[in-house]
Amino acid sequence: MVCNIFFLPGKSTGLNSFGLMWCNGVICGPVLLFWTFIRGDLVTTMHFPDLFSPGFVAVMVLSCILAFFLNYSIFLNTTLNSALTQTICGNLKDFFTIGIGWAVFGGLPFDIFNILGQFLGFFGSGLYAYFKLKGR
């Protein structure tokens, strides 16, 4: 996230999940809009030929709804639990997403660098959780 310093648990800010999401959107939204303008993505989007076709609009709306619920669940998890719990939940989600993706969809070549990269990420997360619990 761009504005991670504002992503504080609700216990320390007094905000609920919707309040945290709103603050995050208000702070990060203008920065991201400016960045898409600088990169030329806004102009490219406006010239997309199927921008207003019903199929594209339906998929975009459903994608936005899914993104909202994903963000809400992340903010709710962080509000109700610690950042450590959020880290562990995120790592488990990544582990199962990658495992199910490899099993169901394939397409990613079985390469030692892919396996090492995933292992390194999970090992680092586990190490972080260990030292966080130990209080170092």
Protein backbone atom coordinates (compact mmCIF):
# COMPACT_ATOMS: atom_id res chain seq x y z
CA MET A 1 0.00 0.00 0.00
CA VAL A 2 1.14 3.48 -0.76
CA CYS A 3 -0.05 5.07 2.48
CA ASN A 4 0.83 2.32 4.92
CA ILE A 5 1.53 4.71 7.80
CA PHE A 6 -2.20 5.49 7.95
CA PHE A 7 -3.17 1.82 8.02
CA LEU A 8 -3.32 1.58 11.80
CA PRO A 9 -5.48 -0.83 13.76
CA GLY A 10 -8.76 0.58 14.99
CA LYS A 11 -7.75 0.06 18.61
CA SER A 12 -5.12 2.80 18.34
CA THR A 13 -7.10 5.19 16.11
CA GLY A 14 -10.64 4.67 17.37
CA LEU A 15 -11.89 4.09 13.81
CA ASN A 16 -13.92 1.12 12.68
CA SER A 17 -13.18 -0.80 9.47
CA PHE A 18 -15.20 1.53 7.25
CA GLY A 19 -13.52 4.57 8.79
CA LEU A 20 -10.09 3.08 8.13
CA MET A 21 -11.06 2.26 4.54
CA TRP A 22 -12.42 5.76 3.99
CA CYS A 23 -9.27 7.42 5.37
CA ASN A 24 -7.08 5.15 3.28
CA GLY A 25 -9.07 5.99 0.14
CA VAL A 26 -9.09 9.73 0.82
CA ILE A 27 -5.35 9.79 1.42
CA CYS A 28 -4.24 7.36 -1.31
CA GLY A 29 -6.87 8.11 -3.98
CA PRO A 30 -5.52 11.48 -5.16
CA VAL A 31 -1.95 10.16 -5.21
CA LEU A 32 -2.96 7.17 -7.34
CA LEU A 33 -5.10 9.34 -9.64
CA PHE A 34 -2.18 11.69 -10.18
CA TRP A 35 0.15 8.75 -10.84
CA THR A 36 -2.21 7.25 -13.45
CA PHE A 37 -2.45 10.66 -15.13
CA ILE A 38 1.35 11.05 -15.25
CA ARG A 39 1.83 7.55 -16.68
CA GLY A 40 -0.84 8.12 -19.34
CA ASP A 41 -3.14 5.36 -18.07
CA LEU A 42 -6.15 7.69 -17.79
CA VAL A 43 -5.94 8.68 -21.45
CA THR A 44 -5.47 5.06 -22.48
CA THR A 45 -8.51 4.06 -20.45
CA MET A 46 -10.67 6.78 -21.97
CA HIS A 47 -9.75 5.58 -25.47
CA PHE A 48 -10.58 1.93 -24.71
CA PRO A 49 -13.12 0.96 -27.42
CA ASP A 50 -15.34 -1.22 -25.19
CA LEU A 51 -15.33 1.09 -22.19
CA PHE A 52 -19.13 1.44 -22.13
CA SER A 53 -20.12 -1.99 -23.44
CA PRO A 54 -22.49 -3.81 -21.07
CA GLY A 55 -20.22 -6.83 -20.68
CA PHE A 56 -17.19 -4.77 -19.73
CA VAL A 57 -19.20 -2.60 -17.33
CA ALA A 58 -20.69 -5.71 -15.66
CA VAL A 59 -17.28 -7.31 -15.17
CA MET A 60 -15.83 -4.03 -13.91
CA VAL A 61 -18.66 -3.57 -11.38
CA LEU A 62 -18.30 -7.16 -10.15
CA SER A 63 -14.54 -6.68 -9.88
CA CYS A 64 -15.05 -3.52 -7.82
CA ILE A 65 -17.48 -5.33 -5.52
CA LEU A 66 -15.00 -8.14 -4.96
CA ALA A 67 -12.21 -5.61 -4.32
CA PHE A 68 -14.39 -3.83 -1.78
CA PHE A 69 -15.10 -7.02 0.14
CA LEU A 70 -11.46 -8.06 0.02
CA ASN A 71 -10.36 -4.68 1.39
CA TYR A 72 -13.10 -4.73 4.00
CA SER A 73 -12.08 -8.18 5.22
CA ILE A 74 -8.43 -7.07 5.44
CA PHE A 75 -9.32 -3.92 7.39
CA LEU A 76 -11.72 -5.85 9.62
CA ASN A 77 -9.10 -8.50 10.31
CA THR A 78 -6.52 -5.84 11.16
CA THR A 79 -9.00 -3.96 13.36
CA LEU A 80 -10.06 -7.02 15.35
CA ASN A 81 -6.68 -8.76 15.44
CA SER A 82 -3.05 -7.75 15.53
CA ALA A 83 -0.86 -6.96 12.55
CA LEU A 84 0.88 -10.26 13.20
CA THR A 85 -2.38 -12.15 12.71
CA GLN A 86 -2.95 -10.23 9.48
CA THR A 87 0.54 -11.19 8.31
CA ILE A 88 -0.05 -14.87 9.06
CA CYS A 89 -3.48 -14.82 7.38
CA GLY A 90 -1.99 -13.12 4.34
CA ASN A 91 0.77 -15.67 4.09
CA LEU A 92 -1.67 -18.56 4.40
CA LYS A 93 -3.84 -16.97 1.73
CA ASP A 94 -0.82 -16.63 -0.55
CA PHE A 95 0.24 -20.22 0.14
CA PHE A 96 -3.18 -21.66 -0.70
CA THR A 97 -3.69 -19.34 -3.67
CA ILE A 98 -0.37 -20.36 -5.19
CA GLY A 99 -0.90 -24.05 -4.41
CA ILE A 100 -4.43 -24.17 -5.81
CA GLY A 101 -3.36 -22.10 -8.81
CA TRP A 102 -0.53 -24.48 -9.64
CA ALA A 103 -2.77 -27.53 -9.15
CA VAL A 104 -5.82 -26.29 -11.03
CA PHE A 105 -4.52 -23.96 -13.71
CA GLY A 106 -0.91 -25.02 -14.24
CA GLY A 107 0.82 -22.83 -16.76
CA LEU A 108 3.66 -21.86 -14.44
CA PRO A 109 6.74 -23.94 -15.19
CA PHE A 110 8.16 -25.95 -12.34
CA ASP A 111 11.40 -24.03 -11.86
CA ILE A 112 13.77 -24.09 -8.91
CA PHE A 113 13.74 -20.27 -8.78
CA ASN A 114 9.93 -20.22 -8.47
CA ILE A 115 10.09 -22.69 -5.59
CA LEU A 116 13.00 -20.88 -3.90
CA GLY A 117 11.25 -17.51 -4.22
CA GLN A 118 8.08 -18.82 -2.63
CA PHE A 119 10.03 -20.60 0.11
CA LEU A 120 12.06 -17.47 0.83
CA GLY A 121 8.88 -15.38 1.14
CA PHE A 122 7.22 -17.85 3.49
CA PHE A 123 10.42 -18.31 5.50
CA GLY A 124 10.80 -14.56 5.92
CA SER A 125 7.19 -14.23 7.06
CA GLY A 126 7.62 -17.04 9.53
CA LEU A 127 10.83 -15.51 10.84
CA TYR A 128 9.09 -12.17 11.25
CA ALA A 129 6.25 -13.83 13.17
CA TYR A 130 8.72 -15.66 15.40
CA PHE A 131 10.66 -12.54 16.32
CA LYS A 132 7.45 -10.56 16.75
CA LEU A 133 6.18 -13.12 19.25
CA LYS A 134 9.50 -13.17 21.08
CA GLY A 135 9.42 -9.37 21.34
CA ARG A 136 12.76 -8.62 19.66
